[in-house]
C-alpha atoms as a PDB file:
ATOM      1  CA  UNK A   1      -0.010   0.073   0.095  1.00  0.00           C
ATOM      2  CA  UNK A   2       1.624   3.494  -0.865  1.00  0.00           C
ATOM      3  CA  UNK A   3       0.925   5.456   2.289  1.00  0.00           C
ATOM      4  CA  UNK A   4       1.956   8.614   0.860  1.00  0.00           C
ATOM      5  CA  UNK A   5      -0.640   8.505  -2.189  1.00  0.00           C
ATOM      6  CA  UNK A   6      -3.256   7.863   0.746  1.00  0.00           C
ATOM      7  CA  UNK A   7      -1.960  11.035   2.285  1.00  0.00           C
ATOM      8  CA  UNK A   8      -2.374  12.819  -0.551  1.00  0.00           C
ATOM      9  CA  UNK A   9      -6.064  11.486  -0.918  1.00  0.00           C
ATOM     10  CA  UNK A  10      -6.891  12.366   2.415  1.00  0.00           C
ATOM     11  CA  UNK A  11      -5.549  16.119   2.312  1.00  0.00           C
ATOM     12  CA  UNK A  12      -7.583  16.126  -1.218  1.00  0.00           C
ATOM     13  CA  UNK A  13     -10.808  14.860   0.290  1.00  0.00           C
ATOM     14  CA  UNK A  14     -10.330  17.201   3.306  1.00  0.00           C
ATOM     15  CA  UNK A  15      -9.608  20.511   0.871  1.00  0.00           C
ATOM     16  CA  UNK A  16     -12.624  19.545  -1.092  1.00  0.00           C
ATOM     17  CA  UNK A  17     -15.182  19.147   1.711  1.00  0.00           C
ATOM     18  CA  UNK A  18     -13.750  22.303   3.089  1.00  0.00           C
ATOM     19  CA  UNK A  19     -14.521  24.014   0.247  1.00  0.00           C
ATOM     20  CA  UNK A  20     -17.907  23.189   0.085  1.00  0.00           C
ATOM     21  CA  UNK A  21     -18.615  24.211   3.825  1.00  0.00           C
ATOM     22  CA  UNK A  22     -17.014  27.483   2.814  1.00  0.00           C
ATOM     23  CA  UNK A  23     -19.547  28.132  -0.255  1.00  0.00           C
ATOM     24  CA  UNK A  24     -22.531  26.730   1.862  1.00  0.00           C
ATOM     25  CA  UNK A  25     -23.462  24.000  -0.475  1.00  0.00           C
ATOM     26  CA  UNK A  26     -22.051  20.810   1.482  1.00  0.00           C
ATOM     27  CA  UNK A  27     -25.693  19.900   2.351  1.00  0.00           C
ATOM     28  CA  UNK A  28     -26.815  19.622  -1.350  1.00  0.00           C
ATOM     29  CA  UNK A  29     -23.386  17.849  -2.985  1.00  0.00           C
ATOM     30  CA  UNK A  30     -20.518  15.787  -1.918  1.00  0.00           C
ATOM     31  CA  UNK A  31     -16.761  15.536  -2.696  1.00  0.00           C
ATOM     32  CA  UNK A  32     -17.392  12.793  -5.483  1.00  0.00           C
ATOM     33  CA  UNK A  33     -16.570  13.054  -9.133  1.00  0.00           C
ATOM     34  CA  UNK A  34     -19.317  12.315 -11.816  1.00  0.00           C
ATOM     35  CA  UNK A  35     -18.614  10.364 -15.111  1.00  0.00           C
ATOM     36  CA  UNK A  36     -18.808  12.952 -17.809  1.00  0.00           C
ATOM     37  CA  UNK A  37     -16.589  10.807 -20.255  1.00  0.00           C
ATOM     38  CA  UNK A  38     -19.275  10.591 -22.963  1.00  0.00           C
ATOM     39  CA  UNK A  39     -20.291  13.994 -22.792  1.00  0.00           C
ATOM     40  CA  UNK A  40     -16.586  15.091 -22.711  1.00  0.00           C
ATOM     41  CA  UNK A  41     -16.120  13.420 -25.766  1.00  0.00           C
ATOM     42  CA  UNK A  42     -19.107  14.623 -27.542  1.00  0.00           C
ATOM     43  CA  UNK A  43     -17.910  18.021 -26.722  1.00  0.00           C
ATOM     44  CA  UNK A  44     -14.290  17.652 -27.701  1.00  0.00           C
ATOM     45  CA  UNK A  45     -15.662  16.484 -31.054  1.00  0.00           C
ATOM     46  CA  UNK A  46     -18.240  19.577 -31.281  1.00  0.00           C
ATOM     47  CA  UNK A  47     -15.422  21.873 -31.049  1.00  0.00           C
ATOM     48  CA  UNK A  48     -12.990  20.444 -33.546  1.00  0.00           C
ATOM     49  CA  UNK A  49     -15.421  22.320 -36.001  1.00  0.00           C
ATOM     50  CA  UNK A  50     -15.934  25.990 -36.804  1.00  0.00           C
ATOM     51  CA  UNK A  51     -19.331  27.016 -35.901  1.00  0.00           C
ATOM     52  CA  UNK A  52     -21.429  30.176 -36.322  1.00  0.00           C
ATOM     53  CA  UNK A  53     -23.516  30.710 -33.087  1.00  0.00           C
ATOM     54  CA  UNK A  54     -26.456  33.055 -32.324  1.00  0.00           C
ATOM     55  CA  UNK A  55     -26.921  33.947 -28.383  1.00  0.00           C
ATOM     56  CA  UNK A  56     -27.804  36.929 -26.305  1.00  0.00           C
ATOM     57  CA  UNK A  57     -28.330  39.322 -29.231  1.00  0.00           C
ATOM     58  CA  UNK A  58     -24.741  38.267 -30.483  1.00  0.00           C
ATOM     59  CA  UNK A  59     -23.298  36.370 -33.615  1.00  0.00           C
ATOM     60  CA  UNK A  60     -19.770  35.077 -33.181  1.00  0.00           C
ATOM     61  CA  UNK A  61     -17.629  33.101 -35.342  1.00  0.00           C
ATOM     62  CA  UNK A  62     -16.574  30.249 -33.175  1.00  0.00           C
ATOM     63  CA  UNK A  63     -13.085  28.474 -35.230  1.00  0.00           C
ATOM     64  CA  UNK A  64     -12.092  25.293 -34.633  1.00  0.00           C
ATOM     65  CA  UNK A  65     -10.269  24.242 -31.319  1.00  0.00           C
ATOM     66  CA  UNK A  66     -11.995  27.318 -29.577  1.00  0.00           C
ATOM     67  CA  UNK A  67     -14.567  26.951 -27.007  1.00  0.00           C
ATOM     68  CA  UNK A  68     -18.080  27.001 -28.328  1.00  0.00           C
ATOM     69  CA  UNK A  69     -20.434  29.212 -26.427  1.00  0.00           C
ATOM     70  CA  UNK A  70     -23.441  26.655 -27.105  1.00  0.00           C
ATOM     71  CA  UNK A  71     -26.923  26.875 -25.298  1.00  0.00           C
ATOM     72  CA  UNK A  72     -25.934  24.453 -21.985  1.00  0.00           C
ATOM     73  CA  UNK A  73     -22.515  25.950 -21.901  1.00  0.00           C
ATOM     74  CA  UNK A  74     -20.677  27.088 -19.268  1.00  0.00           C
ATOM     75  CA  UNK A  75     -20.335  30.796 -20.969  1.00  0.00           C
ATOM     76  CA  UNK A  76     -24.265  31.065 -21.257  1.00  0.00           C
ATOM     77  CA  UNK A  77     -23.932  30.024 -17.406  1.00  0.00           C
ATOM     78  CA  UNK A  78     -21.750  32.870 -16.834  1.00  0.00           C
ATOM     79  CA  UNK A  79     -23.860  35.140 -19.101  1.00  0.00           C
ATOM     80  CA  UNK A  80     -27.052  34.237 -17.212  1.00  0.00           C
ATOM     81  CA  UNK A  81     -25.669  35.163 -13.719  1.00  0.00           C
ATOM     82  CA  UNK A  82     -23.766  38.225 -15.078  1.00  0.00           C
ATOM     83  CA  UNK A  83     -27.180  39.650 -16.406  1.00  0.00           C
ATOM     84  CA  UNK A  84     -27.929  39.860 -12.427  1.00  0.00           C
ATOM     85  CA  UNK A  85     -25.090  42.166 -11.652  1.00  0.00           C
ATOM     86  CA  UNK A  86     -25.453  45.926 -11.297  1.00  0.00           C
ATOM     87  CA  UNK A  87     -23.322  47.530 -14.194  1.00  0.00           C
ATOM     88  CA  UNK A  88     -23.494  50.919 -12.774  1.00  0.00           C
ATOM     89  CA  UNK A  89     -20.953  49.783 -10.045  1.00  0.00           C
ATOM     90  CA  UNK A  90     -18.753  48.131 -12.660  1.00  0.00           C
ATOM     91  CA  UNK A  91     -16.376  50.782 -14.468  1.00  0.00           C
ATOM     92  CA  UNK A  92     -13.660  48.058 -15.592  1.00  0.00           C
ATOM     93  CA  UNK A  93     -13.954  44.680 -16.578  1.00  0.00           C
ATOM     94  CA  UNK A  94     -11.269  41.997 -17.312  1.00  0.00           C
ATOM     95  CA  UNK A  95     -11.978  38.630 -18.857  1.00  0.00           C
ATOM     96  CA  UNK A  96      -9.310  36.039 -18.656  1.00  0.00           C
ATOM     97  CA  UNK A  97      -9.348  32.940 -21.318  1.00  0.00           C
ATOM     98  CA  UNK A  98     -12.003  34.813 -23.674  1.00  0.00           C
ATOM     99  CA  UNK A  99     -12.243  32.347 -26.145  1.00  0.00           C
ATOM    100  CA  UNK A 100     -14.663  33.560 -28.970  1.00  0.00           C
ATOM    101  CA  UNK A 101     -15.192  36.492 -26.761  1.00  0.00           C
ATOM    102  CA  UNK A 102     -19.016  36.006 -26.183  1.00  0.00           C
ATOM    103  CA  UNK A 103     -18.885  36.909 -22.288  1.00  0.00           C
ATOM    104  CA  UNK A 104     -16.531  40.129 -22.922  1.00  0.00           C
ATOM    105  CA  UNK A 105     -19.152  40.954 -25.788  1.00  0.00           C
ATOM    106  CA  UNK A 106     -22.032  40.722 -23.684  1.00  0.00           C
ATOM    107  CA  UNK A 107     -20.534  43.159 -20.948  1.00  0.00           C
ATOM    108  CA  UNK A 108     -19.373  45.297 -23.917  1.00  0.00           C
ATOM    109  CA  UNK A 109     -22.645  45.446 -25.961  1.00  0.00           C
ATOM    110  CA  UNK A 110     -24.883  46.103 -22.546  1.00  0.00           C
ATOM    111  CA  UNK A 111     -22.800  47.955 -19.758  1.00  0.00           C
ATOM    112  CA  UNK A 112     -20.725  51.003 -19.961  1.00  0.00           C
ATOM    113  CA  UNK A 113     -17.832  49.794 -18.583  1.00  0.00           C
ATOM    114  CA  UNK A 114     -14.443  49.426 -20.115  1.00  0.00           C
ATOM    115  CA  UNK A 115     -13.832  45.843 -21.353  1.00  0.00           C
ATOM    116  CA  UNK A 116     -10.494  43.830 -21.654  1.00  0.00           C
ATOM    117  CA  UNK A 117     -10.553  40.572 -23.082  1.00  0.00           C
ATOM    118  CA  UNK A 118      -7.295  38.392 -23.163  1.00  0.00           C
ATOM    119  CA  UNK A 119      -6.535  34.585 -23.893  1.00  0.00           C
ATOM    120  CA  UNK A 120      -3.367  32.405 -24.129  1.00  0.00           C
ATOM    121  CA  UNK A 121      -4.273  31.249 -27.613  1.00  0.00           C
ATOM    122  CA  UNK A 122      -3.815  33.928 -30.345  1.00  0.00           C
ATOM    123  CA  UNK A 123      -6.527  32.322 -32.568  1.00  0.00           C
ATOM    124  CA  UNK A 124      -8.991  33.142 -29.507  1.00  0.00           C
ATOM    125  CA  UNK A 125      -8.107  36.653 -29.697  1.00  0.00           C
ATOM    126  CA  UNK A 126      -8.210  37.099 -33.427  1.00  0.00           C
ATOM    127  CA  UNK A 127     -11.676  35.515 -33.159  1.00  0.00           C
ATOM    128  CA  UNK A 128     -12.796  38.007 -30.412  1.00  0.00           C
ATOM    129  CA  UNK A 129     -11.550  41.083 -32.512  1.00  0.00           C
ATOM    130  CA  UNK A 130     -13.281  39.952 -35.587  1.00  0.00           C
ATOM    131  CA  UNK A 131     -16.710  39.245 -33.502  1.00  0.00           C
ATOM    132  CA  UNK A 132     -16.524  42.491 -31.784  1.00  0.00           C
ATOM    133  CA  UNK A 133     -16.360  43.908 -35.434  1.00  0.00           C
ATOM    134  CA  UNK A 134     -19.169  41.782 -36.490  1.00  0.00           C
ATOM    135  CA  UNK A 135     -21.219  43.075 -33.399  1.00  0.00           C
ATOM    136  CA  UNK A 136     -20.266  46.738 -33.628  1.00  0.00           C
ATOM    137  CA  UNK A 137     -18.799  46.277 -30.148  1.00  0.00           C
ATOM    138  CA  UNK A 138     -15.807  48.343 -28.722  1.00  0.00           C
ATOM    139  CA  UNK A 139     -13.384  46.215 -26.358  1.00  0.00           C
ATOM    140  CA  UNK A 140      -9.726  45.908 -26.228  1.00  0.00           C
ATOM    141  CA  UNK A 141      -8.527  42.050 -26.804  1.00  0.00           C
ATOM    142  CA  UNK A 142      -4.811  40.943 -26.770  1.00  0.00           C
ATOM    143  CA  UNK A 143      -3.043  37.694 -26.087  1.00  0.00           C
ATOM    144  CA  UNK A 144      -1.797  36.880 -22.131  1.00  0.00           C
ATOM    145  CA  UNK A 145      -1.160  33.880 -20.154  1.00  0.00           C
ATOM    146  CA  UNK A 146      -3.652  34.788 -17.500  1.00  0.00           C
ATOM    147  CA  UNK A 147      -2.134  38.028 -16.173  1.00  0.00           C
ATOM    148  CA  UNK A 148       1.353  38.086 -17.689  1.00  0.00           C
ATOM    149  CA  UNK A 149       0.715  41.033 -19.743  1.00  0.00           C
ATOM    150  CA  UNK A 150      -1.868  42.850 -17.820  1.00  0.00           C
ATOM    151  CA  UNK A 151      -0.711  45.882 -16.018  1.00  0.00           C
ATOM    152  CA  UNK A 152      -3.685  47.416 -14.429  1.00  0.00           C
ATOM    153  CA  UNK A 153      -4.763  46.491 -10.714  1.00  0.00           C
ATOM    154  CA  UNK A 154      -8.151  47.894 -10.245  1.00  0.00           C
ATOM    155  CA  UNK A 155     -10.400  46.065 -12.331  1.00  0.00           C
ATOM    156  CA  UNK A 156     -14.193  45.926 -10.426  1.00  0.00           C
ATOM    157  CA  UNK A 157     -14.954  42.480 -11.984  1.00  0.00           C
ATOM    158  CA  UNK A 158     -12.271  40.046 -13.225  1.00  0.00           C
ATOM    159  CA  UNK A 159     -13.947  37.026 -15.136  1.00  0.00           C
ATOM    160  CA  UNK A 160     -12.662  33.467 -16.083  1.00  0.00           C
ATOM    161  CA  UNK A 161     -14.670  30.638 -17.382  1.00  0.00           C
ATOM    162  CA  UNK A 162     -12.065  28.329 -16.114  1.00  0.00           C
ATOM    163  CA  UNK A 163     -11.702  24.710 -17.540  1.00  0.00           C
ATOM    164  CA  UNK A 164     -13.300  22.712 -15.400  1.00  0.00           C
ATOM    165  CA  UNK A 165     -12.153  18.997 -15.584  1.00  0.00           C
ATOM    166  CA  UNK A 166      -9.288  17.838 -13.512  1.00  0.00           C
ATOM    167  CA  UNK A 167      -7.901  15.712 -16.251  1.00  0.00           C
ATOM    168  CA  UNK A 168      -4.519  15.511 -18.187  1.00  0.00           C
ATOM    169  CA  UNK A 169      -5.004  17.287 -21.550  1.00  0.00           C
ATOM    170  CA  UNK A 170      -4.759  14.799 -24.574  1.00  0.00           C
ATOM    171  CA  UNK A 171      -4.935  17.333 -27.314  1.00  0.00           C
ATOM    172  CA  UNK A 172      -5.141  20.963 -28.059  1.00  0.00           C
ATOM    173  CA  UNK A 173      -8.753  21.499 -27.416  1.00  0.00           C
ATOM    174  CA  UNK A 174      -8.631  19.959 -23.798  1.00  0.00           C
ATOM    175  CA  UNK A 175      -5.360  22.024 -23.278  1.00  0.00           C
ATOM    176  CA  UNK A 176      -6.716  25.141 -23.966  1.00  0.00           C
ATOM    177  CA  UNK A 177     -10.606  25.027 -23.097  1.00  0.00           C
ATOM    178  CA  UNK A 178     -11.515  22.013 -21.187  1.00  0.00           C
ATOM    179  CA  UNK A 179      -8.759  20.592 -18.886  1.00  0.00           C
ATOM    180  CA  UNK A 180      -7.307  22.015 -15.498  1.00  0.00           C
ATOM    181  CA  UNK A 181      -4.987  19.117 -14.038  1.00  0.00           C
ATOM    182  CA  UNK A 182      -4.791  19.231 -10.438  1.00  0.00           C
ATOM    183  CA  UNK A 183      -6.469  22.858 -10.450  1.00  0.00           C
ATOM    184  CA  UNK A 184      -3.202  24.187 -11.446  1.00  0.00           C
ATOM    185  CA  UNK A 185      -4.755  26.888 -13.956  1.00  0.00           C
ATOM    186  CA  UNK A 186      -7.695  27.811 -11.273  1.00  0.00           C
ATOM    187  CA  UNK A 187      -4.950  28.383  -8.490  1.00  0.00           C
ATOM    188  CA  UNK A 188      -2.537  30.205 -10.524  1.00  0.00           C
ATOM    189  CA  UNK A 189      -5.598  32.461 -11.497  1.00  0.00           C
ATOM    190  CA  UNK A 190      -6.764  33.084  -8.095  1.00  0.00           C
ATOM    191  CA  UNK A 191      -3.499  33.961  -6.665  1.00  0.00           C
ATOM    192  CA  UNK A 192      -2.773  36.432  -9.481  1.00  0.00           C
ATOM    193  CA  UNK A 193      -6.399  37.894  -9.674  1.00  0.00           C
ATOM    194  CA  UNK A 194      -6.248  39.427  -6.016  1.00  0.00           C
ATOM    195  CA  UNK A 195      -3.478  41.809  -7.439  1.00  0.00           C
ATOM    196  CA  UNK A 196      -5.301  42.990 -10.150  1.00  0.00           C
ATOM    197  CA  UNK A 197      -9.143  43.551  -8.611  1.00  0.00           C
ATOM    198  CA  UNK A 198     -10.013  47.018  -6.894  1.00  0.00           C
ATOM    199  CA  UNK A 199     -10.815  47.131  -3.390  1.00  0.00           C
ATOM    200  CA  UNK A 200     -14.222  45.926  -3.502  1.00  0.00           C
ATOM    201  CA  UNK A 201     -14.239  44.361  -6.877  1.00  0.00           C
ATOM    202  CA  UNK A 202     -15.191  40.734  -7.374  1.00  0.00           C
ATOM    203  CA  UNK A 203     -13.167  37.780  -9.086  1.00  0.00           C
ATOM    204  CA  UNK A 204     -15.428  35.265 -10.943  1.00  0.00           C
ATOM    205  CA  UNK A 205     -14.424  31.743 -11.930  1.00  0.00           C
ATOM    206  CA  UNK A 206     -16.367  28.129 -12.133  1.00  0.00           C
ATOM    207  CA  UNK A 207     -16.060  24.786 -10.638  1.00  0.00           C
ATOM    208  CA  UNK A 208     -17.962  21.724 -10.789  1.00  0.00           C
ATOM    209  CA  UNK A 209     -18.156  18.011  -9.480  1.00  0.00           C
ATOM    210  CA  UNK A 210     -15.012  17.243 -11.622  1.00  0.00           C
ATOM    211  CA  UNK A 211     -12.819  19.868 -10.929  1.00  0.00           C
ATOM    212  CA  UNK A 212      -9.880  20.105  -8.332  1.00  0.00           C
ATOM    213  CA  UNK A 213     -11.524  22.776  -6.582  1.00  0.00           C
ATOM    214  CA  UNK A 214      -9.605  21.733  -3.448  1.00  0.00           C
ATOM    215  CA  UNK A 215      -6.804  24.177  -4.400  1.00  0.00           C
ATOM    216  CA  UNK A 216      -9.263  27.159  -3.382  1.00  0.00           C
ATOM    217  CA  UNK A 217      -8.710  25.791   0.302  1.00  0.00           C
ATOM    218  CA  UNK A 218      -5.225  27.200   0.686  1.00  0.00           C
ATOM    219  CA  UNK A 219      -5.978  30.700  -0.703  1.00  0.00           C
ATOM    220  CA  UNK A 220      -6.936  33.131   1.330  1.00  0.00           C
ATOM    221  CA  UNK A 221      -9.748  34.855  -0.246  1.00  0.00           C
ATOM    222  CA  UNK A 222     -13.793  35.395   0.904  1.00  0.00           C
ATOM    223  CA  UNK A 223     -15.612  33.057  -1.350  1.00  0.00           C
ATOM    224  CA  UNK A 224     -19.197  32.920  -1.875  1.00  0.00           C
ATOM    225  CA  UNK A 225     -21.638  31.616  -4.617  1.00  0.00           C
ATOM    226  CA  UNK A 226     -22.677  33.573  -7.570  1.00  0.00           C
ATOM    227  CA  UNK A 227     -24.497  30.647  -9.717  1.00  0.00           C
ATOM    228  CA  UNK A 228     -25.287  27.461  -8.559  1.00  0.00           C
ATOM    229  CA  UNK A 229     -27.123  24.532 -11.090  1.00  0.00           C
ATOM    230  CA  UNK A 230     -27.542  21.112  -9.736  1.00  0.00           C
ATOM    231  CA  UNK A 231     -28.828  18.498 -12.505  1.00  0.00           C
ATOM    232  CA  UNK A 232     -31.142  15.432 -11.390  1.00  0.00           C
ATOM    233  CA  UNK A 233     -28.359  12.996 -12.394  1.00  0.00           C
ATOM    234  CA  UNK A 234     -26.243  14.420  -9.815  1.00  0.00           C
ATOM    235  CA  UNK A 235     -23.690  16.873 -12.009  1.00  0.00           C
ATOM    236  CA  UNK A 236     -23.330  20.135 -10.470  1.00  0.00           C
ATOM    237  CA  UNK A 237     -21.555  23.526 -11.496  1.00  0.00           C
ATOM    238  CA  UNK A 238     -20.964  26.618  -9.635  1.00  0.00           C
ATOM    239  CA  UNK A 239     -19.685  30.250 -10.554  1.00  0.00           C
ATOM    240  CA  UNK A 240     -17.778  31.341  -7.529  1.00  0.00           C
ATOM    241  CA  UNK A 241     -17.150  34.919  -6.398  1.00  0.00           C
ATOM    242  CA  UNK A 242     -14.010  35.986  -4.511  1.00  0.00           C
ATOM    243  CA  UNK A 243     -13.290  39.044  -2.742  1.00  0.00           C
ATOM    244  CA  UNK A 244      -9.714  40.219  -1.628  1.00  0.00           C
ATOM    245  CA  UNK A 245     -10.284  41.059   1.870  1.00  0.00           C
ATOM    246  CA  UNK A 246      -6.712  41.054   2.744  1.00  0.00           C
ATOM    247  CA  UNK A 247      -6.410  44.068   0.606  1.00  0.00           C
ATOM    248  CA  UNK A 248      -9.405  45.829   2.006  1.00  0.00           C
ATOM    249  CA  UNK A 249      -8.169  45.416   5.401  1.00  0.00           C
ATOM    250  CA  UNK A 250      -5.172  46.841   4.567  1.00  0.00           C
ATOM    251  CA  UNK A 251      -7.163  49.889   3.401  1.00  0.00           C
ATOM    252  CA  UNK A 252      -8.794  49.882   6.815  1.00  0.00           C
ATOM    253  CA  UNK A 253     -11.773  47.869   5.782  1.00  0.00           C
ATOM    254  CA  UNK A 254     -12.744  44.994   8.622  1.00  0.00           C
ATOM    255  CA  UNK A 255     -15.439  43.457   6.482  1.00  0.00           C
ATOM    256  CA  UNK A 256     -18.525  43.841   4.357  1.00  0.00           C
ATOM    257  CA  UNK A 257     -21.129  46.493   6.250  1.00  0.00           C
ATOM    258  CA  UNK A 258     -24.504  47.023   5.344  1.00  0.00           C
ATOM    259  CA  UNK A 259     -23.515  50.045   3.545  1.00  0.00           C
ATOM    260  CA  UNK A 260     -21.077  48.354   0.955  1.00  0.00           C
ATOM    261  CA  UNK A 261     -22.514  48.171  -2.521  1.00  0.00           C
ATOM    262  CA  UNK A 262     -22.685  44.510  -4.116  1.00  0.00           C
ATOM    263  CA  UNK A 263     -22.142  43.975  -7.968  1.00  0.00           C
END
């Protein structure tokens, strides 16, 4: 028996349970992963083909290999919840991993905020720029590996439709759109994002049964559920909000008061 492996497994299970408790959903879901193999394979095949998609008053051309914002996609899950936010409180938005750009395009088309969209893939950035022109929408888009080329430090909303599946990628579609092995991308995103969000700003990202969300447990941010979906089959996914209360305390804020405005 590999005792080292068992210790890691126990720490992982403990971390997953701790995160679910912090999010207030431990009475709804457990820490187990879900069998999504067939759905995942179908999604990889679908994304290997370019497609024009109409959604949310927008039309987007999605190249092969770039995440497709289909009706049941996590992109649409984000947009449904972003619609509930108060745009009057959001002057500057940043999207990491913008893909074809539909989330940033929605914000730029419907809000007065300045919108910045980035992606590690040059193909995705080119698609976002082309789709902005197609929809007559103004935004800034450029290539960046997470926050590598981002200098601004005061975004009111930072969005990342994070790859959801804790799996070693076997192809470029999985590598750039779908898989986050051991939660390394999510962990790096959260550690970097807290240095780029405004004092009262919000960082949002996604997790599901099959995410390595246990990495959140070691990062000192204040987490809350922004959106949650639980299917009859037991599959669940959530949009998580994170606030940087370390920075807030450094500026004399001890916690959220009744006078604080939420996004």
